[in-house]
PDB file of N, CA and C in Angstrom:
ATOM      1  N   MET A   1      11.584 -36.531 -16.007  1.00  0.00           N
ATOM      2  CA  MET A   1      12.086 -36.364 -14.706  1.00  0.00           C
ATOM      3  C   MET A   1      11.717 -34.775 -14.326  1.00  0.00           C
ATOM      4  N   SER A   2      11.326 -34.022 -15.168  1.00  0.00           N
ATOM      5  CA  SER A   2      11.204 -32.570 -14.871  1.00  0.00           C
ATOM      6  C   SER A   2       9.808 -32.328 -13.941  1.00  0.00           C
ATOM      7  N   LYS A   3      10.053 -31.707 -12.973  1.00  0.00           N
ATOM      8  CA  LYS A   3       8.966 -31.570 -12.043  1.00  0.00           C
ATOM      9  C   LYS A   3       7.978 -30.411 -12.433  1.00  0.00           C
ATOM     10  N   THR A   4       6.984 -30.468 -12.319  1.00  0.00           N
ATOM     11  CA  THR A   4       6.058 -29.247 -12.597  1.00  0.00           C
ATOM     12  C   THR A   4       6.220 -28.152 -11.682  1.00  0.00           C
ATOM     13  N   PRO A   5       6.555 -27.021 -12.095  1.00  0.00           N
ATOM     14  CA  PRO A   5       6.716 -25.907 -11.200  1.00  0.00           C
ATOM     15  C   PRO A   5       5.624 -25.329 -10.305  1.00  0.00           C
ATOM     16  N   ILE A   6       5.882 -25.092  -9.104  1.00  0.00           N
ATOM     17  CA  ILE A   6       4.723 -24.447  -8.220  1.00  0.00           C
ATOM     18  C   ILE A   6       5.076 -22.859  -8.075  1.00  0.00           C
ATOM     19  N   TYR A   7       4.188 -22.195  -8.157  1.00  0.00           N
ATOM     20  CA  TYR A   7       4.379 -20.635  -7.955  1.00  0.00           C
ATOM     21  C   TYR A   7       3.421 -20.210  -6.693  1.00  0.00           C
ATOM     22  N   LYS A   8       3.885 -19.469  -5.808  1.00  0.00           N
ATOM     23  CA  LYS A   8       3.579 -18.601  -4.900  1.00  0.00           C
ATOM     24  C   LYS A   8       3.134 -17.393  -5.213  1.00  0.00           C
ATOM     25  N   VAL A   9       1.808 -16.962  -5.435  1.00  0.00           N
ATOM     26  CA  VAL A   9       1.204 -15.490  -5.834  1.00  0.00           C
ATOM     27  C   VAL A   9       0.778 -14.958  -4.708  1.00  0.00           C
ATOM     28  N   ILE A  10       1.074 -13.521  -4.489  1.00  0.00           N
ATOM     29  CA  ILE A  10       0.618 -12.727  -3.452  1.00  0.00           C
ATOM     30  C   ILE A  10       0.038 -11.585  -4.210  1.00  0.00           C
ATOM     31  N   PHE A  11      -0.889 -11.377  -3.861  1.00  0.00           N
ATOM     32  CA  PHE A  11      -1.948 -10.109  -4.337  1.00  0.00           C
ATOM     33  C   PHE A  11      -2.935  -9.476  -3.442  1.00  0.00           C
ATOM     34  N   TYR A  12      -3.295  -8.284  -3.821  1.00  0.00           N
ATOM     35  CA  TYR A  12      -4.301  -7.554  -2.826  1.00  0.00           C
ATOM     36  C   TYR A  12      -5.538  -7.838  -3.369  1.00  0.00           C
ATOM     37  N   ASN A  13      -6.515  -7.902  -2.453  1.00  0.00           N
ATOM     38  CA  ASN A  13      -7.885  -7.989  -2.768  1.00  0.00           C
ATOM     39  C   ASN A  13      -8.917  -7.385  -1.769  1.00  0.00           C
ATOM     40  N   GLN A  14      -9.355  -6.505  -1.812  1.00  0.00           N
ATOM     41  CA  GLN A  14     -10.256  -5.906  -0.890  1.00  0.00           C
ATOM     42  C   GLN A  14      -9.771  -5.605   0.450  1.00  0.00           C
ATOM     43  N   ASN A  15      -8.935  -4.904   0.588  1.00  0.00           N
ATOM     44  CA  ASN A  15      -8.115  -4.622   1.967  1.00  0.00           C
ATOM     45  C   ASN A  15      -7.649  -5.939   2.660  1.00  0.00           C
ATOM     46  N   GLN A  16      -7.384  -6.889   1.628  1.00  0.00           N
ATOM     47  CA  GLN A  16      -6.661  -8.209   2.370  1.00  0.00           C
ATOM     48  C   GLN A  16      -5.541  -8.650   1.271  1.00  0.00           C
ATOM     49  N   VAL A  17      -4.832  -9.028   1.808  1.00  0.00           N
ATOM     50  CA  VAL A  17      -3.327  -9.941   0.967  1.00  0.00           C
ATOM     51  C   VAL A  17      -3.469 -11.159   0.852  1.00  0.00           C
ATOM     52  N   TYR A  18      -3.797 -11.802  -0.131  1.00  0.00           N
ATOM     53  CA  TYR A  18      -4.007 -13.440  -0.389  1.00  0.00           C
ATOM     54  C   TYR A  18      -2.564 -13.751  -0.810  1.00  0.00           C
ATOM     55  N   GLU A  19      -2.139 -15.012  -0.207  1.00  0.00           N
ATOM     56  CA  GLU A  19      -1.047 -15.627  -0.507  1.00  0.00           C
ATOM     57  C   GLU A  19      -1.508 -17.169  -0.979  1.00  0.00           C
ATOM     58  N   LEU A  20      -1.558 -17.221  -2.029  1.00  0.00           N
ATOM     59  CA  LEU A  20      -1.914 -18.831  -2.542  1.00  0.00           C
ATOM     60  C   LEU A  20      -0.642 -19.373  -3.524  1.00  0.00           C
ATOM     61  N   TYR A  21      -1.043 -20.705  -3.691  1.00  0.00           N
ATOM     62  CA  TYR A  21      -0.033 -21.506  -4.437  1.00  0.00           C
ATOM     63  C   TYR A  21      -0.773 -22.141  -5.818  1.00  0.00           C
ATOM     64  N   ALA A  22      -0.127 -22.156  -6.966  1.00  0.00           N
ATOM     65  CA  ALA A  22      -0.802 -22.762  -8.238  1.00  0.00           C
ATOM     66  C   ALA A  22       0.093 -23.154  -9.068  1.00  0.00           C
ATOM     67  N   LYS A  23      -0.194 -24.323 -10.050  1.00  0.00           N
ATOM     68  CA  LYS A  23       0.573 -24.661 -10.967  1.00  0.00           C
ATOM     69  C   LYS A  23       0.716 -24.016 -12.297  1.00  0.00           C
ATOM     70  N   ALA A  24      -0.170 -23.357 -12.534  1.00  0.00           N
ATOM     71  CA  ALA A  24       0.090 -22.483 -13.793  1.00  0.00           C
ATOM     72  C   ALA A  24      -0.582 -21.178 -13.570  1.00  0.00           C
ATOM     73  N   ILE A  25       0.349 -20.210 -13.982  1.00  0.00           N
ATOM     74  CA  ILE A  25       0.153 -18.734 -14.105  1.00  0.00           C
ATOM     75  C   ILE A  25       0.494 -18.364 -15.602  1.00  0.00           C
ATOM     76  N   TYR A  26      -0.303 -17.265 -16.145  1.00  0.00           N
ATOM     77  CA  TYR A  26       0.358 -16.889 -17.370  1.00  0.00           C
ATOM     78  C   TYR A  26      -0.427 -15.395 -17.497  1.00  0.00           C
ATOM     79  N   GLN A  27       0.085 -14.743 -18.633  1.00  0.00           N
ATOM     80  CA  GLN A  27      -0.796 -13.264 -18.934  1.00  0.00           C
ATOM     81  C   GLN A  27      -2.043 -13.624 -19.652  1.00  0.00           C
ATOM     82  N   SER A  28      -2.973 -13.051 -19.336  1.00  0.00           N
ATOM     83  CA  SER A  28      -4.528 -13.301 -19.915  1.00  0.00           C
ATOM     84  C   SER A  28      -4.445 -12.523 -21.139  1.00  0.00           C
ATOM     85  N   GLU A  29      -5.455 -13.371 -21.984  1.00  0.00           N
ATOM     86  CA  GLU A  29      -5.786 -12.554 -23.127  1.00  0.00           C
ATOM     87  C   GLU A  29      -6.619 -11.292 -22.881  1.00  0.00           C
ATOM     88  N   MET A  30      -7.309 -11.088 -21.574  1.00  0.00           N
ATOM     89  CA  MET A  30      -7.811  -9.943 -21.156  1.00  0.00           C
ATOM     90  C   MET A  30      -6.734  -8.967 -20.793  1.00  0.00           C
ATOM     91  N   TYR A  31      -6.697  -7.911 -21.281  1.00  0.00           N
ATOM     92  CA  TYR A  31      -5.385  -7.096 -21.070  1.00  0.00           C
ATOM     93  C   TYR A  31      -5.486  -6.619 -19.666  1.00  0.00           C
ATOM     94  N   GLY A  32      -4.114  -6.784 -18.951  1.00  0.00           N
ATOM     95  CA  GLY A  32      -4.078  -6.260 -17.461  1.00  0.00           C
ATOM     96  C   GLY A  32      -4.211  -7.195 -16.536  1.00  0.00           C
ATOM     97  N   PHE A  33      -4.551  -8.530 -16.891  1.00  0.00           N
ATOM     98  CA  PHE A  33      -4.841  -9.464 -16.173  1.00  0.00           C
ATOM     99  C   PHE A  33      -3.935 -10.551 -16.096  1.00  0.00           C
ATOM    100  N   LEU A  34      -3.777 -11.253 -14.863  1.00  0.00           N
ATOM    101  CA  LEU A  34      -2.926 -12.500 -15.087  1.00  0.00           C
ATOM    102  C   LEU A  34      -3.892 -13.746 -14.561  1.00  0.00           C
ATOM    103  N   GLU A  35      -3.575 -14.960 -15.280  1.00  0.00           N
ATOM    104  CA  GLU A  35      -4.812 -15.974 -15.039  1.00  0.00           C
ATOM    105  C   GLU A  35      -4.019 -17.051 -14.112  1.00  0.00           C
ATOM    106  N   VAL A  36      -4.686 -17.384 -13.048  1.00  0.00           N
ATOM    107  CA  VAL A  36      -4.000 -18.345 -12.133  1.00  0.00           C
ATOM    108  C   VAL A  36      -4.980 -19.632 -12.015  1.00  0.00           C
ATOM    109  N   GLU A  37      -4.235 -20.857 -12.450  1.00  0.00           N
ATOM    110  CA  GLU A  37      -4.981 -21.866 -12.446  1.00  0.00           C
ATOM    111  C   GLU A  37      -4.445 -22.933 -11.569  1.00  0.00           C
ATOM    112  N   GLU A  38      -5.033 -24.087 -11.427  1.00  0.00           N
ATOM    113  CA  GLU A  38      -4.507 -25.283 -10.925  1.00  0.00           C
ATOM    114  C   GLU A  38      -4.057 -25.084  -9.508  1.00  0.00           C
ATOM    115  N   PHE A  39      -5.034 -24.363  -8.751  1.00  0.00           N
ATOM    116  CA  PHE A  39      -4.693 -24.326  -7.355  1.00  0.00           C
ATOM    117  C   PHE A  39      -4.040 -25.392  -6.385  1.00  0.00           C
ATOM    118  N   VAL A  40      -3.139 -25.002  -5.550  1.00  0.00           N
ATOM    119  CA  VAL A  40      -2.631 -26.143  -4.761  1.00  0.00           C
ATOM    120  C   VAL A  40      -2.881 -25.658  -3.322  1.00  0.00           C
ATOM    121  N   PHE A  41      -3.462 -26.667  -2.650  1.00  0.00           N
ATOM    122  CA  PHE A  41      -3.765 -26.637  -1.256  1.00  0.00           C
ATOM    123  C   PHE A  41      -2.943 -27.593  -0.525  1.00  0.00           C
ATOM    124  N   GLY A  42      -2.980 -27.679   0.956  1.00  0.00           N
ATOM    125  CA  GLY A  42      -2.336 -28.560   1.697  1.00  0.00           C
ATOM    126  C   GLY A  42      -3.054 -30.077   1.338  1.00  0.00           C
ATOM    127  N   GLU A  43      -2.352 -31.252   1.942  1.00  0.00           N
ATOM    128  CA  GLU A  43      -2.676 -32.495   1.442  1.00  0.00           C
ATOM    129  C   GLU A  43      -4.140 -32.977   2.083  1.00  0.00           C
ATOM    130  N   ILE A  44      -4.849 -33.630   1.430  1.00  0.00           N
ATOM    131  CA  ILE A  44      -6.339 -33.943   1.808  1.00  0.00           C
ATOM    132  C   ILE A  44      -6.223 -34.530   3.250  1.00  0.00           C
ATOM    133  N   GLY A  45      -5.264 -35.513   3.344  1.00  0.00           N
ATOM    134  CA  GLY A  45      -5.342 -36.560   4.487  1.00  0.00           C
ATOM    135  C   GLY A  45      -4.662 -35.665   5.793  1.00  0.00           C
ATOM    136  N   GLN A  46      -4.241 -34.525   5.561  1.00  0.00           N
ATOM    137  CA  GLN A  46      -3.669 -34.169   6.614  1.00  0.00           C
ATOM    138  C   GLN A  46      -4.359 -33.592   8.137  1.00  0.00           C
ATOM    139  N   VAL A  47      -3.799 -34.210   9.004  1.00  0.00           N
ATOM    140  CA  VAL A  47      -4.702 -33.980  10.319  1.00  0.00           C
ATOM    141  C   VAL A  47      -4.792 -32.616  10.761  1.00  0.00           C
ATOM    142  N   ILE A  48      -3.656 -31.820  10.969  1.00  0.00           N
ATOM    143  CA  ILE A  48      -3.938 -30.380  11.350  1.00  0.00           C
ATOM    144  C   ILE A  48      -4.826 -29.498  10.225  1.00  0.00           C
ATOM    145  N   VAL A  49      -5.641 -28.973  10.881  1.00  0.00           N
ATOM    146  CA  VAL A  49      -6.722 -27.779   9.928  1.00  0.00           C
ATOM    147  C   VAL A  49      -6.056 -26.568  10.205  1.00  0.00           C
ATOM    148  N   ASN A  50      -5.831 -25.830   8.906  1.00  0.00           N
ATOM    149  CA  ASN A  50      -5.419 -24.406   9.233  1.00  0.00           C
ATOM    150  C   ASN A  50      -6.507 -23.423   8.947  1.00  0.00           C
ATOM    151  N   PRO A  51      -7.276 -22.793   9.826  1.00  0.00           N
ATOM    152  CA  PRO A  51      -8.200 -21.858   9.357  1.00  0.00           C
ATOM    153  C   PRO A  51      -8.093 -20.976   8.213  1.00  0.00           C
ATOM    154  N   GLY A  52      -7.024 -20.494   8.002  1.00  0.00           N
ATOM    155  CA  GLY A  52      -6.672 -19.364   7.025  1.00  0.00           C
ATOM    156  C   GLY A  52      -6.637 -20.249   5.827  1.00  0.00           C
ATOM    157  N   GLU A  53      -5.940 -21.368   5.666  1.00  0.00           N
ATOM    158  CA  GLU A  53      -6.009 -22.103   4.351  1.00  0.00           C
ATOM    159  C   GLU A  53      -7.322 -22.720   3.943  1.00  0.00           C
ATOM    160  N   GLU A  54      -8.107 -22.853   5.202  1.00  0.00           N
ATOM    161  CA  GLU A  54      -9.548 -23.354   4.999  1.00  0.00           C
ATOM    162  C   GLU A  54     -10.604 -22.442   4.409  1.00  0.00           C
ATOM    163  N   LYS A  55     -10.188 -21.169   4.705  1.00  0.00           N
ATOM    164  CA  LYS A  55     -10.949 -20.071   4.182  1.00  0.00           C
ATOM    165  C   LYS A  55     -10.631 -19.705   2.485  1.00  0.00           C
ATOM    166  N   LEU A  56      -9.408 -20.072   2.184  1.00  0.00           N
ATOM    167  CA  LEU A  56      -8.923 -20.034   0.966  1.00  0.00           C
ATOM    168  C   LEU A  56      -9.665 -21.179   0.034  1.00  0.00           C
ATOM    169  N   LYS A  57      -9.517 -22.385   0.638  1.00  0.00           N
ATOM    170  CA  LYS A  57     -10.028 -23.427  -0.046  1.00  0.00           C
ATOM    171  C   LYS A  57     -11.487 -23.370  -0.376  1.00  0.00           C
ATOM    172  N   ASN A  58     -12.216 -22.570   0.595  1.00  0.00           N
ATOM    173  CA  ASN A  58     -13.742 -22.399   0.271  1.00  0.00           C
ATOM    174  C   ASN A  58     -14.010 -21.412  -0.649  1.00  0.00           C
ATOM    175  N   GLU A  59     -13.120 -20.146  -0.638  1.00  0.00           N
ATOM    176  CA  GLU A  59     -13.384 -19.283  -1.576  1.00  0.00           C
ATOM    177  C   GLU A  59     -12.991 -19.794  -3.042  1.00  0.00           C
ATOM    178  N   PHE A  60     -12.137 -20.668  -3.185  1.00  0.00           N
ATOM    179  CA  PHE A  60     -11.566 -21.129  -4.459  1.00  0.00           C
ATOM    180  C   PHE A  60     -12.184 -22.526  -4.703  1.00  0.00           C
ATOM    181  N   ALA A  61     -12.880 -23.017  -3.995  1.00  0.00           N
ATOM    182  CA  ALA A  61     -13.637 -24.570  -4.249  1.00  0.00           C
ATOM    183  C   ALA A  61     -13.918 -24.616  -5.511  1.00  0.00           C
ATOM    184  N   GLN A  62     -14.794 -23.884  -6.076  1.00  0.00           N
ATOM    185  CA  GLN A  62     -15.588 -23.988  -7.412  1.00  0.00           C
ATOM    186  C   GLN A  62     -14.708 -23.248  -8.516  1.00  0.00           C
ATOM    187  N   VAL A  63     -13.476 -22.745  -8.195  1.00  0.00           N
ATOM    188  CA  VAL A  63     -13.000 -21.718  -9.311  1.00  0.00           C
ATOM    189  C   VAL A  63     -11.926 -22.626 -10.191  1.00  0.00           C
ATOM    190  N   THR A  64     -12.065 -22.505 -11.529  1.00  0.00           N
ATOM    191  CA  THR A  64     -11.284 -23.315 -12.195  1.00  0.00           C
ATOM    192  C   THR A  64     -10.083 -22.485 -12.546  1.00  0.00           C
ATOM    193  N   ARG A  65     -10.392 -21.075 -12.853  1.00  0.00           N
ATOM    194  CA  ARG A  65      -9.392 -20.130 -13.201  1.00  0.00           C
ATOM    195  C   ARG A  65      -9.643 -18.903 -12.461  1.00  0.00           C
ATOM    196  N   SER A  66      -8.593 -18.103 -12.104  1.00  0.00           N
ATOM    197  CA  SER A  66      -8.953 -16.795 -11.355  1.00  0.00           C
ATOM    198  C   SER A  66      -8.266 -15.628 -12.197  1.00  0.00           C
ATOM    199  N   TYR A  67      -8.627 -14.662 -12.554  1.00  0.00           N
ATOM    200  CA  TYR A  67      -8.078 -13.635 -13.227  1.00  0.00           C
ATOM    201  C   TYR A  67      -7.918 -12.394 -12.269  1.00  0.00           C
ATOM    202  N   VAL A  68      -6.566 -12.360 -11.974  1.00  0.00           N
ATOM    203  CA  VAL A  68      -5.909 -11.090 -10.969  1.00  0.00           C
ATOM    204  C   VAL A  68      -5.617 -10.009 -11.616  1.00  0.00           C
ATOM    205  N   PRO A  69      -6.179  -8.723 -11.544  1.00  0.00           N
ATOM    206  CA  PRO A  69      -5.588  -7.436 -12.196  1.00  0.00           C
ATOM    207  C   PRO A  69      -4.104  -7.328 -11.806  1.00  0.00           C
ATOM    208  N   MET A  70      -3.190  -7.179 -12.997  1.00  0.00           N
ATOM    209  CA  MET A  70      -1.822  -6.981 -12.698  1.00  0.00           C
ATOM    210  C   MET A  70      -1.486  -5.801 -11.728  1.00  0.00           C
ATOM    211  N   HIS A  71      -2.238  -4.916 -11.774  1.00  0.00           N
ATOM    212  CA  HIS A  71      -1.887  -3.845 -10.498  1.00  0.00           C
ATOM    213  C   HIS A  71      -2.284  -4.189  -9.007  1.00  0.00           C
ATOM    214  N   SER A  72      -2.703  -5.394  -9.046  1.00  0.00           N
ATOM    215  CA  SER A  72      -3.038  -6.069  -7.646  1.00  0.00           C
ATOM    216  C   SER A  72      -1.721  -7.037  -7.296  1.00  0.00           C
ATOM    217  N   ILE A  73      -0.972  -7.340  -8.196  1.00  0.00           N
ATOM    218  CA  ILE A  73      -0.154  -8.349  -7.708  1.00  0.00           C
ATOM    219  C   ILE A  73       1.169  -7.677  -7.206  1.00  0.00           C
ATOM    220  N   ILE A  74       1.579  -8.397  -5.807  1.00  0.00           N
ATOM    221  CA  ILE A  74       2.497  -7.978  -5.284  1.00  0.00           C
ATOM    222  C   ILE A  74       3.605  -8.616  -5.544  1.00  0.00           C
ATOM    223  N   ARG A  75       3.837 -10.181  -5.776  1.00  0.00           N
ATOM    224  CA  ARG A  75       4.931 -10.718  -5.906  1.00  0.00           C
ATOM    225  C   ARG A  75       4.601 -12.208  -6.621  1.00  0.00           C
ATOM    226  N   ILE A  76       5.228 -12.783  -7.313  1.00  0.00           N
ATOM    227  CA  ILE A  76       5.002 -14.101  -7.818  1.00  0.00           C
ATOM    228  C   ILE A  76       6.540 -14.870  -7.607  1.00  0.00           C
ATOM    229  N   ASP A  77       6.750 -16.236  -6.832  1.00  0.00           N
ATOM    230  CA  ASP A  77       7.830 -16.730  -6.760  1.00  0.00           C
ATOM    231  C   ASP A  77       7.722 -18.128  -7.282  1.00  0.00           C
ATOM    232  N   GLU A  78       8.646 -18.713  -7.887  1.00  0.00           N
ATOM    233  CA  GLU A  78       8.638 -20.036  -8.140  1.00  0.00           C
ATOM    234  C   GLU A  78       9.202 -20.904  -6.923  1.00  0.00           C
ATOM    235  N   VAL A  79       8.446 -21.862  -6.477  1.00  0.00           N
ATOM    236  CA  VAL A  79       8.848 -22.432  -5.364  1.00  0.00           C
ATOM    237  C   VAL A  79       9.061 -23.935  -5.337  1.00  0.00           C
ATOM    238  N   GLU A  80      10.126 -24.755  -4.617  1.00  0.00           N
ATOM    239  CA  GLU A  80      10.185 -26.014  -4.698  1.00  0.00           C
ATOM    240  C   GLU A  80       8.934 -26.912  -4.325  1.00  0.00           C
ATOM    241  N   LYS A  81       8.153 -26.391  -3.131  1.00  0.00           N
ATOM    242  CA  LYS A  81       6.970 -27.213  -2.724  1.00  0.00           C
ATOM    243  C   LYS A  81       5.821 -26.119  -2.465  1.00  0.00           C
ATOM    244  N   GLU A  82       4.595 -26.500  -2.075  1.00  0.00           N
ATOM    245  CA  GLU A  82       3.622 -25.734  -1.751  1.00  0.00           C
ATOM    246  C   GLU A  82       3.896 -25.471  -0.230  1.00  0.00           C
ATOM    247  N   GLY A  83       3.421 -24.166  -0.023  1.00  0.00           N
ATOM    248  CA  GLY A  83       3.291 -23.890   1.555  1.00  0.00           C
ATOM    249  C   GLY A  83       1.731 -23.825   1.964  1.00  0.00           C
ATOM    250  N   VAL A  84       1.719 -23.077   3.079  1.00  0.00           N
ATOM    251  CA  VAL A  84       0.294 -22.854   3.409  1.00  0.00           C
ATOM    252  C   VAL A  84      -0.209 -21.291   2.910  1.00  0.00           C
ATOM    253  N   GLY A  85      -1.327 -21.655   2.216  1.00  0.00           N
ATOM    254  CA  GLY A  85      -2.176 -20.322   1.589  1.00  0.00           C
ATOM    255  C   GLY A  85      -2.462 -19.680   3.073  1.00  0.00           C
ATOM    256  N   LYS A  86      -2.678 -18.164   2.672  1.00  0.00           N
ATOM    257  CA  LYS A  86      -3.022 -17.382   3.664  1.00  0.00           C
ATOM    258  C   LYS A  86      -3.658 -16.244   3.320  1.00  0.00           C
ATOM    259  N   ILE A  87      -4.528 -15.793   4.265  1.00  0.00           N
ATOM    260  CA  ILE A  87      -5.168 -14.308   3.732  1.00  0.00           C
ATOM    261  C   ILE A  87      -4.976 -13.482   4.955  1.00  0.00           C
ATOM    262  N   HIS A  88      -4.177 -12.560   4.676  1.00  0.00           N
ATOM    263  CA  HIS A  88      -3.714 -11.369   5.786  1.00  0.00           C
ATOM    264  C   HIS A  88      -4.728 -10.148   5.668  1.00  0.00           C
ATOM    265  N   GLU A  89      -5.051  -9.609   6.667  1.00  0.00           N
ATOM    266  CA  GLU A  89      -6.064  -8.490   6.982  1.00  0.00           C
ATOM    267  C   GLU A  89      -4.860  -7.247   6.849  1.00  0.00           C
ATOM    268  N   LEU A  90      -5.010  -6.256   6.198  1.00  0.00           N
ATOM    269  CA  LEU A  90      -4.253  -5.077   6.195  1.00  0.00           C
ATOM    270  C   LEU A  90      -4.558  -4.340   7.511  1.00  0.00           C
ATOM    271  N   PRO A  91      -3.522  -3.838   8.058  1.00  0.00           N
ATOM    272  CA  PRO A  91      -3.782  -2.995   9.431  1.00  0.00           C
ATOM    273  C   PRO A  91      -4.739  -1.955   9.421  1.00  0.00           C
ATOM    274  N   ALA A  92      -5.471  -1.655  10.241  1.00  0.00           N
ATOM    275  CA  ALA A  92      -6.466  -0.704  10.388  1.00  0.00           C
ATOM    276  C   ALA A  92      -5.898   0.777  10.039  1.00  0.00           C
ATOM    277  N   GLY A  93      -6.410   1.483   8.941  1.00  0.00           N
ATOM    278  CA  GLY A  93      -6.028   2.667   8.590  1.00  0.00           C
ATOM    279  C   GLY A  93      -4.841   2.667   7.450  1.00  0.00           C
ATOM    280  N   SER A  94      -4.782   1.348   7.072  1.00  0.00           N
ATOM    281  CA  SER A  94      -3.979   1.451   5.971  1.00  0.00           C
ATOM    282  C   SER A  94      -4.515   1.659   4.784  1.00  0.00           C
ATOM    283  N   GLY A  95      -5.818   1.611   4.584  1.00  0.00           N
ATOM    284  CA  GLY A  95      -6.678   1.783   3.367  1.00  0.00           C
ATOM    285  C   GLY A  95      -6.888   3.202   3.092  1.00  0.00           C
ATOM    286  N   LYS A  96      -6.423   4.162   4.088  1.00  0.00           N
ATOM    287  CA  LYS A  96      -6.763   5.605   3.853  1.00  0.00           C
ATOM    288  C   LYS A  96      -6.004   6.298   2.774  1.00  0.00           C
ATOM    289  N   VAL A  97      -4.592   5.794   2.602  1.00  0.00           N
ATOM    290  CA  VAL A  97      -3.895   6.053   1.513  1.00  0.00           C
ATOM    291  C   VAL A  97      -3.264   5.126   0.497  1.00  0.00           C
ATOM    292  N   ALA A  98      -3.511   5.215  -0.770  1.00  0.00           N
ATOM    293  CA  ALA A  98      -3.192   4.125  -1.739  1.00  0.00           C
ATOM    294  C   ALA A  98      -2.719   4.629  -3.004  1.00  0.00           C
ATOM    295  N   ASN A  99      -1.981   4.082  -3.449  1.00  0.00           N
ATOM    296  CA  ASN A  99      -1.477   4.513  -4.968  1.00  0.00           C
ATOM    297  C   ASN A  99      -2.933   4.255  -5.684  1.00  0.00           C
ATOM    298  N   PHE A 100      -3.000   5.183  -6.697  1.00  0.00           N
ATOM    299  CA  PHE A 100      -4.102   5.263  -7.744  1.00  0.00           C
ATOM    300  C   PHE A 100      -3.684   3.995  -8.665  1.00  0.00           C
ATOM    301  N   PRO A 101      -4.633   3.087  -9.060  1.00  0.00           N
ATOM    302  CA  PRO A 101      -4.339   1.868  -9.678  1.00  0.00           C
ATOM    303  C   PRO A 101      -3.855   2.403 -11.205  1.00  0.00           C
ATOM    304  N   THR A 102      -3.060   2.158 -11.919  1.00  0.00           N
ATOM    305  CA  THR A 102      -2.788   2.491 -13.301  1.00  0.00           C
ATOM    306  C   THR A 102      -2.509   1.011 -14.060  1.00  0.00           C
ATOM    307  N   MET A 103      -3.000   1.353 -15.366  1.00  0.00           N
ATOM    308  CA  MET A 103      -2.747   0.169 -16.270  1.00  0.00           C
ATOM    309  C   MET A 103      -1.225   0.247 -16.797  1.00  0.00           C
ATOM    310  N   PRO A 104      -0.509  -0.702 -17.218  1.00  0.00           N
ATOM    311  CA  PRO A 104       0.419  -0.692 -17.835  1.00  0.00           C
ATOM    312  C   PRO A 104       0.382  -0.326 -19.338  1.00  0.00           C
ATOM    313  N   GLN A 105       1.145   0.361 -19.987  1.00  0.00           N
ATOM    314  CA  GLN A 105       1.136   0.982 -21.224  1.00  0.00           C
ATOM    315  C   GLN A 105       0.929  -0.184 -22.306  1.00  0.00           C
ATOM    316  N   ARG A 106       0.236  -0.394 -23.225  1.00  0.00           N
ATOM    317  CA  ARG A 106       0.299  -1.381 -24.279  1.00  0.00           C
ATOM    318  C   ARG A 106       1.470  -1.259 -25.267  1.00  0.00           C
ATOM    319  N   PRO A 107       2.020  -2.422 -25.571  1.00  0.00           N
ATOM    320  CA  PRO A 107       3.061  -2.518 -26.495  1.00  0.00           C
ATOM    321  C   PRO A 107       2.666  -1.754 -27.807  1.00  0.00           C
ATOM    322  N   GLY A 108       3.520  -0.735 -28.289  1.00  0.00           N
ATOM    323  CA  GLY A 108       3.559   0.046 -29.619  1.00  0.00           C
ATOM    324  C   GLY A 108       2.613   1.149 -29.405  1.00  0.00           C
ATOM    325  N   SER A 109       2.235   1.646 -28.290  1.00  0.00           N
ATOM    326  CA  SER A 109       1.379   2.729 -28.151  1.00  0.00           C
ATOM    327  C   SER A 109       2.236   3.901 -27.691  1.00  0.00           C
ATOM    328  N   ILE A 110       1.830   5.043 -28.174  1.00  0.00           N
ATOM    329  CA  ILE A 110       2.786   6.237 -28.266  1.00  0.00           C
ATOM    330  C   ILE A 110       1.959   7.223 -26.975  1.00  0.00           C
ATOM    331  N   THR A 111       3.017   7.567 -26.094  1.00  0.00           N
ATOM    332  CA  THR A 111       2.606   8.357 -25.223  1.00  0.00           C
ATOM    333  C   THR A 111       2.055   9.796 -25.576  1.00  0.00           C
ATOM    334  N   GLY A 112       1.425  10.300 -24.955  1.00  0.00           N
ATOM    335  CA  GLY A 112       1.058  11.670 -25.515  1.00  0.00           C
ATOM    336  C   GLY A 112       0.132  11.735 -26.740  1.00  0.00           C
ATOM    337  N   ASP A 113      -0.139  10.502 -27.434  1.00  0.00           N
ATOM    338  CA  ASP A 113      -0.963  10.608 -28.765  1.00  0.00           C
ATOM    339  C   ASP A 113      -2.362  10.762 -28.281  1.00  0.00           C
ATOM    340  N   SER A 114      -2.870  11.920 -28.919  1.00  0.00           N
ATOM    341  CA  SER A 114      -4.336  12.237 -28.763  1.00  0.00           C
ATOM    342  C   SER A 114      -5.292  11.362 -29.681  1.00  0.00           C
ATOM    343  N   GLY A 115      -4.835  10.764 -30.624  1.00  0.00           N
ATOM    344  CA  GLY A 115      -5.564   9.821 -31.135  1.00  0.00           C
ATOM    345  C   GLY A 115      -6.214  10.640 -32.473  1.00  0.00           C
ATOM    346  N   ASP A 116      -5.930  12.124 -32.877  1.00  0.00           N
ATOM    347  CA  ASP A 116      -6.583  12.737 -33.742  1.00  0.00           C
ATOM    348  C   ASP A 116      -5.964  12.387 -35.136  1.00  0.00           C
TER     349      ASP A 116
END
């Protein structure tokens, strides 16, 4: 009777913020990436067409699995049911100043180790 969880994943991608829903997310074997699988979009028989969600459907139509860099992730929520996927344009001028993307430290690595 346990229901498969649905996750809302929000992340940056080329001056846009993507908000999409998926049934499977986990840390990738590729260091620094999160794997997102089993994308969930609105019902197929739905009468109302949302252009934002249609753009997402088209972009991820042939995608089985997506690898999202961890430094691009804004937030991940486990939700009761899927919502409407969206792509938000960042306001003009917001791309002028940004944090330099950094990779999280690998477990067991020592800071300041020069490798000599």
